[in-house]
Amino acid sequence: MSRNVARKDQPAAAEVQEDIDFSVGNYIVAKYDEGWFLGQILSKEEEPGADPGDQYVYVSYMERVGVQQVKWPARPDLLNTLKSDVYFGCDPPVPSACSSSSRMLFTMDKKVIIRAADVHSKVPLIFRKRVLLIQLYRYRY
C-alpha cells in the first residue's frame, strides 16, 4: 500500500549542482522522513497511488541495513516524492556477496553514502529537530 504525498510544508532539498534524470527505473537519493533514502523511480501510469503532477515522482524506497547495505522491504514502501526533495541521481546498488536467496541485500557505493550524508546535513537543523519531536510525540501516545 502506498503512503500519502510528501508533506508540502517541508523545506526544499539542499541545492545540488546537477540535472537529475527522473526517468522510470533510475535510482535516486532523496529526503524522506528524518533521513535520506535510496529509491527507484516507478512509472506513474502503472501505479494507482501515483500523483499525476509534474512536481512529483513516484518512488519505491529501499530500507537501510547497516551502514552500506540496503534491501527491498517485505511490503513496498511507495511514496509520491517532491522533485525538490530529491538530492541526486545515482547508480543502482550492487547485490551483496553475503546475502542469501531469501534476503537479498545490496551494497551502496561509498561515494553515494558520503555525498548523501553531506547534502542531507545541509537541511536546516530546525526542521530536523521538529521532525524528531513529532516522532517522539507519536511514540509516546
N, C-alpha and C. Protein backbone atom coordinates (compact mmCIF):
# COMPACT_ATOMS: atom_id res chain seq x y z
N MET A 1 0.85 -1.18 0.00
CA MET A 1 0.00 0.00 0.00
C MET A 1 0.89 1.23 0.00
N SER A 2 0.54 2.21 -0.73
CA SER A 2 1.36 3.40 -0.85
C SER A 2 1.04 4.40 0.25
N ARG A 3 2.02 5.22 0.55
CA ARG A 3 1.84 6.28 1.53
C ARG A 3 1.29 7.51 0.84
N ASN A 4 0.87 8.47 1.64
CA ASN A 4 0.36 9.72 1.08
C ASN A 4 1.48 10.56 0.50
N VAL A 5 1.10 11.62 -0.14
CA VAL A 5 2.04 12.53 -0.76
C VAL A 5 2.94 13.15 0.31
N ALA A 6 4.20 13.39 -0.04
CA ALA A 6 5.14 14.02 0.88
C ALA A 6 4.58 15.36 1.34
N ARG A 7 4.89 15.73 2.58
CA ARG A 7 4.33 16.96 3.14
C ARG A 7 4.84 18.18 2.40
N LYS A 8 3.94 19.11 2.13
CA LYS A 8 4.29 20.31 1.37
C LYS A 8 4.96 21.37 2.22
N ASP A 9 4.88 21.27 3.56
CA ASP A 9 5.49 22.29 4.40
C ASP A 9 6.96 22.02 4.70
N GLN A 10 7.51 20.95 4.14
CA GLN A 10 8.91 20.64 4.36
C GLN A 10 9.77 21.56 3.49
N PRO A 11 10.96 21.91 4.00
CA PRO A 11 11.83 22.76 3.19
C PRO A 11 12.37 21.99 2.00
N ALA A 12 12.70 22.70 0.95
CA ALA A 12 13.26 22.06 -0.24
C ALA A 12 14.62 21.46 0.08
N ALA A 13 15.01 20.46 -0.69
CA ALA A 13 16.30 19.82 -0.51
C ALA A 13 17.42 20.83 -0.73
N ALA A 14 18.55 20.53 -0.13
CA ALA A 14 19.72 21.38 -0.35
C ALA A 14 20.05 21.40 -1.83
N GLU A 15 20.54 22.52 -2.29
CA GLU A 15 20.85 22.66 -3.72
C GLU A 15 21.92 21.67 -4.16
N VAL A 16 21.69 21.02 -5.27
CA VAL A 16 22.67 20.12 -5.86
C VAL A 16 22.94 20.64 -7.26
N GLN A 17 24.19 20.69 -7.63
CA GLN A 17 24.59 21.31 -8.90
C GLN A 17 24.59 20.31 -10.05
N GLU A 18 23.47 19.69 -10.34
CA GLU A 18 23.40 18.77 -11.46
C GLU A 18 21.95 18.62 -11.92
N ASP A 19 21.79 18.17 -13.14
CA ASP A 19 20.46 17.83 -13.63
C ASP A 19 20.18 16.39 -13.25
N ILE A 20 19.00 16.16 -12.73
CA ILE A 20 18.62 14.81 -12.30
C ILE A 20 17.73 14.20 -13.37
N ASP A 21 18.02 12.97 -13.75
CA ASP A 21 17.22 12.26 -14.74
C ASP A 21 16.10 11.53 -14.00
N PHE A 22 14.86 12.01 -14.17
CA PHE A 22 13.71 11.42 -13.49
C PHE A 22 13.03 10.33 -14.32
N SER A 23 13.79 9.63 -15.14
CA SER A 23 13.23 8.56 -15.96
C SER A 23 12.88 7.34 -15.11
N VAL A 24 11.85 6.62 -15.54
CA VAL A 24 11.42 5.41 -14.86
C VAL A 24 12.57 4.41 -14.81
N GLY A 25 12.78 3.81 -13.63
CA GLY A 25 13.82 2.81 -13.44
C GLY A 25 15.11 3.37 -12.87
N ASN A 26 15.29 4.69 -12.92
CA ASN A 26 16.52 5.28 -12.38
C ASN A 26 16.47 5.30 -10.85
N TYR A 27 17.65 5.29 -10.26
CA TYR A 27 17.77 5.34 -8.81
C TYR A 27 18.09 6.78 -8.38
N ILE A 28 17.52 7.16 -7.24
CA ILE A 28 17.73 8.49 -6.70
C ILE A 28 17.98 8.41 -5.20
N VAL A 29 18.57 9.44 -4.65
CA VAL A 29 18.70 9.61 -3.20
C VAL A 29 17.85 10.82 -2.86
N ALA A 30 16.95 10.64 -1.90
CA ALA A 30 16.01 11.73 -1.57
C ALA A 30 15.81 11.85 -0.07
N LYS A 31 15.37 13.03 0.31
CA LYS A 31 14.98 13.28 1.70
C LYS A 31 13.66 12.55 1.93
N TYR A 32 13.61 11.79 3.02
CA TYR A 32 12.41 11.02 3.33
C TYR A 32 12.37 10.86 4.84
N ASP A 33 11.25 11.24 5.46
CA ASP A 33 11.12 11.27 6.92
C ASP A 33 12.26 12.10 7.49
N GLU A 34 13.02 11.57 8.44
CA GLU A 34 14.07 12.35 9.07
C GLU A 34 15.44 12.12 8.45
N GLY A 35 15.52 11.31 7.42
CA GLY A 35 16.82 10.99 6.84
C GLY A 35 16.81 11.03 5.33
N TRP A 36 17.78 10.36 4.74
CA TRP A 36 17.87 10.23 3.29
C TRP A 36 17.78 8.74 2.96
N PHE A 37 17.16 8.45 1.82
CA PHE A 37 16.98 7.06 1.44
C PHE A 37 17.20 6.88 -0.06
N LEU A 38 17.56 5.68 -0.42
CA LEU A 38 17.76 5.29 -1.81
C LEU A 38 16.45 4.73 -2.34
N GLY A 39 16.08 5.11 -3.54
CA GLY A 39 14.84 4.61 -4.12
C GLY A 39 14.93 4.51 -5.63
N GLN A 40 13.95 3.80 -6.20
CA GLN A 40 13.87 3.64 -7.65
C GLN A 40 12.59 4.29 -8.14
N ILE A 41 12.70 5.05 -9.22
CA ILE A 41 11.55 5.75 -9.78
C ILE A 41 10.66 4.76 -10.52
N LEU A 42 9.37 4.81 -10.23
CA LEU A 42 8.38 3.93 -10.87
C LEU A 42 7.56 4.70 -11.88
N SER A 43 6.87 3.97 -12.72
CA SER A 43 6.00 4.57 -13.73
C SER A 43 4.73 5.09 -13.08
N LYS A 44 4.40 6.35 -13.33
CA LYS A 44 3.16 6.92 -12.78
C LYS A 44 1.92 6.31 -13.44
N GLU A 45 2.05 5.93 -14.70
CA GLU A 45 0.90 5.40 -15.44
C GLU A 45 0.46 4.03 -14.91
N GLU A 46 1.39 3.26 -14.37
CA GLU A 46 1.08 1.90 -13.93
C GLU A 46 0.75 1.81 -12.44
N GLU A 47 0.88 2.89 -11.72
CA GLU A 47 0.65 2.87 -10.28
C GLU A 47 -0.57 3.69 -9.91
N PRO A 48 -1.59 3.07 -9.29
CA PRO A 48 -2.81 3.80 -8.95
C PRO A 48 -2.61 4.89 -7.90
N GLY A 49 -1.60 4.78 -7.03
CA GLY A 49 -1.39 5.77 -5.99
C GLY A 49 -0.52 6.93 -6.41
N ALA A 50 -0.07 6.94 -7.65
CA ALA A 50 0.86 7.99 -8.10
C ALA A 50 0.12 9.30 -8.35
N ASP A 51 0.72 10.39 -7.92
CA ASP A 51 0.19 11.73 -8.17
C ASP A 51 0.57 12.13 -9.60
N PRO A 52 -0.38 12.55 -10.42
CA PRO A 52 -0.06 12.87 -11.82
C PRO A 52 0.69 14.19 -12.01
N GLY A 53 0.84 14.97 -10.96
CA GLY A 53 1.50 16.28 -11.09
C GLY A 53 2.96 16.17 -11.50
N ASP A 54 3.42 17.16 -12.27
CA ASP A 54 4.80 17.17 -12.75
C ASP A 54 5.82 17.42 -11.64
N GLN A 55 5.39 17.94 -10.51
CA GLN A 55 6.34 18.24 -9.44
C GLN A 55 6.68 17.01 -8.59
N TYR A 56 6.02 15.87 -8.87
CA TYR A 56 6.25 14.64 -8.11
C TYR A 56 6.84 13.53 -8.97
N VAL A 57 7.60 12.65 -8.31
CA VAL A 57 7.99 11.37 -8.89
C VAL A 57 7.48 10.30 -7.95
N TYR A 58 7.12 9.15 -8.50
CA TYR A 58 6.63 8.04 -7.69
C TYR A 58 7.80 7.11 -7.45
N VAL A 59 8.15 6.90 -6.18
CA VAL A 59 9.37 6.20 -5.82
C VAL A 59 9.10 5.00 -4.93
N SER A 60 9.81 3.91 -5.20
CA SER A 60 9.83 2.75 -4.32
C SER A 60 11.14 2.81 -3.55
N TYR A 61 11.04 3.01 -2.23
CA TYR A 61 12.23 3.20 -1.40
C TYR A 61 12.74 1.88 -0.84
N MET A 62 14.06 1.81 -0.71
CA MET A 62 14.72 0.67 -0.09
C MET A 62 14.94 1.02 1.38
N GLU A 63 15.14 0.00 2.20
CA GLU A 63 15.45 0.26 3.60
C GLU A 63 16.92 -0.06 3.86
N ARG A 64 17.52 0.73 4.73
CA ARG A 64 18.93 0.53 5.05
C ARG A 64 19.10 -0.60 6.05
N VAL A 65 20.15 -1.38 5.81
CA VAL A 65 20.52 -2.48 6.71
C VAL A 65 21.99 -2.26 7.02
N GLY A 66 22.28 -1.60 8.11
CA GLY A 66 23.66 -1.25 8.41
C GLY A 66 24.06 0.02 7.68
N VAL A 67 25.36 0.23 7.57
CA VAL A 67 25.86 1.47 7.01
C VAL A 67 25.82 1.49 5.49
N GLN A 68 26.24 0.41 4.85
CA GLN A 68 26.41 0.43 3.40
C GLN A 68 25.41 -0.46 2.66
N GLN A 69 24.63 -1.25 3.37
CA GLN A 69 23.73 -2.18 2.70
C GLN A 69 22.27 -1.73 2.78
N VAL A 70 21.52 -2.09 1.73
CA VAL A 70 20.09 -1.81 1.65
C VAL A 70 19.38 -3.06 1.15
N LYS A 71 18.07 -3.09 1.33
CA LYS A 71 17.27 -4.19 0.80
C LYS A 71 15.88 -3.66 0.47
N TRP A 72 15.17 -4.40 -0.36
CA TRP A 72 13.78 -4.06 -0.63
C TRP A 72 12.96 -4.53 0.56
N PRO A 73 12.09 -3.68 1.11
CA PRO A 73 11.28 -4.10 2.26
C PRO A 73 10.26 -5.17 1.86
N ALA A 74 9.81 -5.94 2.85
CA ALA A 74 8.82 -7.00 2.60
C ALA A 74 7.55 -6.40 1.99
N ARG A 75 7.15 -5.26 2.49
CA ARG A 75 5.99 -4.54 1.95
C ARG A 75 6.52 -3.30 1.23
N PRO A 76 6.25 -3.13 -0.05
CA PRO A 76 6.80 -2.00 -0.79
C PRO A 76 6.53 -0.66 -0.10
N ASP A 77 7.55 0.16 -0.05
CA ASP A 77 7.48 1.48 0.56
C ASP A 77 7.40 2.51 -0.57
N LEU A 78 6.19 2.82 -0.99
CA LEU A 78 5.94 3.68 -2.14
C LEU A 78 5.53 5.07 -1.68
N LEU A 79 6.07 6.10 -2.37
CA LEU A 79 5.76 7.46 -1.96
C LEU A 79 5.81 8.41 -3.15
N ASN A 80 4.83 9.29 -3.23
CA ASN A 80 4.89 10.43 -4.16
C ASN A 80 5.88 11.41 -3.54
N THR A 81 7.00 11.60 -4.20
CA THR A 81 8.08 12.42 -3.67
C THR A 81 8.21 13.69 -4.49
N LEU A 82 8.27 14.83 -3.80
CA LEU A 82 8.51 16.09 -4.50
C LEU A 82 9.87 16.05 -5.18
N LYS A 83 9.92 16.51 -6.42
CA LYS A 83 11.21 16.53 -7.13
C LYS A 83 12.22 17.40 -6.38
N SER A 84 11.74 18.40 -5.68
CA SER A 84 12.64 19.27 -4.92
C SER A 84 13.26 18.56 -3.71
N ASP A 85 12.69 17.42 -3.31
CA ASP A 85 13.24 16.64 -2.20
C ASP A 85 14.26 15.60 -2.66
N VAL A 86 14.47 15.50 -3.96
CA VAL A 86 15.46 14.55 -4.50
C VAL A 86 16.81 15.24 -4.47
N TYR A 87 17.77 14.61 -3.80
CA TYR A 87 19.11 15.18 -3.70
C TYR A 87 19.91 15.00 -4.99
N PHE A 88 19.93 13.76 -5.51
CA PHE A 88 20.69 13.48 -6.73
C PHE A 88 20.36 12.08 -7.24
N GLY A 89 20.71 11.84 -8.49
CA GLY A 89 20.56 10.51 -9.08
C GLY A 89 21.83 9.72 -8.85
N CYS A 90 21.73 8.39 -8.85
CA CYS A 90 22.91 7.56 -8.61
C CYS A 90 22.77 6.22 -9.34
N ASP A 91 23.87 5.47 -9.35
CA ASP A 91 23.85 4.13 -9.93
C ASP A 91 23.09 3.20 -9.00
N PRO A 92 22.52 2.11 -9.55
CA PRO A 92 21.83 1.15 -8.69
C PRO A 92 22.81 0.46 -7.74
N PRO A 93 22.32 0.03 -6.57
CA PRO A 93 23.20 -0.69 -5.65
C PRO A 93 23.55 -2.07 -6.24
N VAL A 94 24.66 -2.62 -5.79
CA VAL A 94 25.16 -3.89 -6.30
C VAL A 94 24.75 -5.01 -5.36
N PRO A 95 24.27 -6.17 -5.88
CA PRO A 95 23.94 -7.29 -4.99
C PRO A 95 25.14 -7.67 -4.12
N SER A 96 24.90 -7.90 -2.84
CA SER A 96 25.97 -8.25 -1.91
C SER A 96 26.31 -9.73 -2.00
N ALA A 97 27.57 -10.01 -1.84
CA ALA A 97 28.02 -11.41 -1.89
C ALA A 97 27.56 -12.18 -0.66
N CYS A 98 27.33 -11.48 0.45
CA CYS A 98 26.99 -12.16 1.70
C CYS A 98 25.49 -12.37 1.88
N SER A 99 24.67 -12.02 0.91
CA SER A 99 23.22 -12.16 1.09
C SER A 99 22.75 -13.54 0.66
N SER A 100 21.71 -14.02 1.34
CA SER A 100 21.13 -15.30 1.00
C SER A 100 20.00 -15.08 -0.01
N SER A 101 19.51 -16.16 -0.58
CA SER A 101 18.45 -16.03 -1.58
C SER A 101 17.15 -15.54 -0.95
N SER A 102 16.94 -15.81 0.34
CA SER A 102 15.70 -15.38 0.99
C SER A 102 15.76 -13.92 1.45
N ARG A 103 16.95 -13.36 1.54
CA ARG A 103 17.10 -11.98 2.00
C ARG A 103 18.16 -11.29 1.16
N MET A 104 17.75 -10.80 0.02
CA MET A 104 18.69 -10.19 -0.92
C MET A 104 19.12 -8.82 -0.43
N LEU A 105 20.41 -8.68 -0.17
CA LEU A 105 20.98 -7.40 0.24
C LEU A 105 21.75 -6.80 -0.90
N PHE A 106 21.80 -5.47 -0.91
CA PHE A 106 22.53 -4.74 -1.93
C PHE A 106 23.51 -3.80 -1.23
N THR A 107 24.61 -3.51 -1.89
CA THR A 107 25.62 -2.61 -1.34
C THR A 107 25.63 -1.30 -2.11
N MET A 108 25.56 -0.19 -1.36
CA MET A 108 25.64 1.13 -1.97
C MET A 108 27.11 1.54 -2.10
N ASP A 109 27.40 2.29 -3.12
CA ASP A 109 28.73 2.84 -3.31
C ASP A 109 29.03 3.80 -2.17
N LYS A 110 30.25 3.74 -1.62
CA LYS A 110 30.62 4.62 -0.52
C LYS A 110 30.51 6.09 -0.89
N LYS A 111 30.78 6.41 -2.15
CA LYS A 111 30.68 7.80 -2.60
C LYS A 111 29.24 8.31 -2.50
N VAL A 112 28.27 7.42 -2.77
CA VAL A 112 26.86 7.80 -2.66
C VAL A 112 26.51 8.09 -1.21
N ILE A 113 26.98 7.25 -0.31
CA ILE A 113 26.69 7.43 1.12
C ILE A 113 27.28 8.74 1.63
N ILE A 114 28.52 8.99 1.29
CA ILE A 114 29.18 10.23 1.75
C ILE A 114 28.49 11.45 1.18
N ARG A 115 28.17 11.42 -0.10
CA ARG A 115 27.52 12.56 -0.73
C ARG A 115 26.12 12.80 -0.14
N ALA A 116 25.36 11.71 0.08
CA ALA A 116 24.02 11.86 0.63
C ALA A 116 24.07 12.43 2.04
N ALA A 117 24.99 11.96 2.86
CA ALA A 117 25.12 12.47 4.22
C ALA A 117 25.51 13.95 4.21
N ASP A 118 26.39 14.32 3.28
CA ASP A 118 26.82 15.70 3.18
C ASP A 118 25.66 16.62 2.76
N VAL A 119 24.93 16.22 1.72
CA VAL A 119 23.81 17.03 1.23
C VAL A 119 22.71 17.10 2.29
N HIS A 120 22.42 15.97 2.92
CA HIS A 120 21.35 15.94 3.92
C HIS A 120 21.70 16.80 5.14
N SER A 121 22.97 16.88 5.48
CA SER A 121 23.38 17.68 6.65
C SER A 121 23.11 19.16 6.43
N LYS A 122 22.88 19.57 5.18
CA LYS A 122 22.62 20.98 4.88
C LYS A 122 21.14 21.34 5.02
N VAL A 123 20.28 20.33 5.28
CA VAL A 123 18.87 20.60 5.55
C VAL A 123 18.81 21.35 6.87
N PRO A 124 18.03 22.41 6.98
CA PRO A 124 18.02 23.23 8.19
C PRO A 124 17.82 22.41 9.47
N LEU A 125 18.64 22.70 10.47
CA LEU A 125 18.60 21.99 11.73
C LEU A 125 17.24 22.13 12.41
N ILE A 126 16.62 23.28 12.33
CA ILE A 126 15.32 23.48 12.97
C ILE A 126 14.29 22.48 12.42
N PHE A 127 14.37 22.18 11.13
CA PHE A 127 13.44 21.21 10.55
C PHE A 127 13.73 19.82 11.10
N ARG A 128 15.00 19.43 11.20
CA ARG A 128 15.35 18.10 11.71
C ARG A 128 14.90 17.95 13.15
N LYS A 129 15.01 19.00 13.97
CA LYS A 129 14.56 18.93 15.35
C LYS A 129 13.05 18.79 15.42
N ARG A 130 12.33 19.51 14.55
CA ARG A 130 10.87 19.43 14.54
C ARG A 130 10.39 18.03 14.19
N VAL A 131 11.03 17.40 13.22
CA VAL A 131 10.66 16.04 12.83
C VAL A 131 10.90 15.08 13.99
N LEU A 132 12.02 15.23 14.70
CA LEU A 132 12.32 14.38 15.83
C LEU A 132 11.27 14.53 16.93
N LEU A 133 10.86 15.76 17.22
CA LEU A 133 9.83 15.99 18.24
C LEU A 133 8.50 15.35 17.85
N ILE A 134 8.14 15.45 16.58
CA ILE A 134 6.90 14.83 16.11
C ILE A 134 6.97 13.32 16.28
N GLN A 135 8.11 12.72 15.96
CA GLN A 135 8.25 11.27 16.10
C GLN A 135 8.19 10.84 17.56
N LEU A 136 8.83 11.60 18.44
CA LEU A 136 8.79 11.27 19.85
C LEU A 136 7.37 11.35 20.39
N TYR A 137 6.62 12.37 19.95
CA TYR A 137 5.24 12.53 20.38
C TYR A 137 4.40 11.33 19.93
N ARG A 138 4.58 10.91 18.70
CA ARG A 138 3.82 9.76 18.18
C ARG A 138 4.16 8.49 18.94
N TYR A 139 5.41 8.35 19.34
CA TYR A 139 5.84 7.16 20.07
C TYR A 139 5.21 7.10 21.45
N ARG A 140 5.11 8.26 22.10
CA ARG A 140 4.56 8.30 23.46
C ARG A 140 3.07 8.03 23.49
N TYR A 141 2.34 8.47 22.46
CA TYR A 141 0.87 8.39 22.51
C TYR A 141 0.32 7.48 21.48
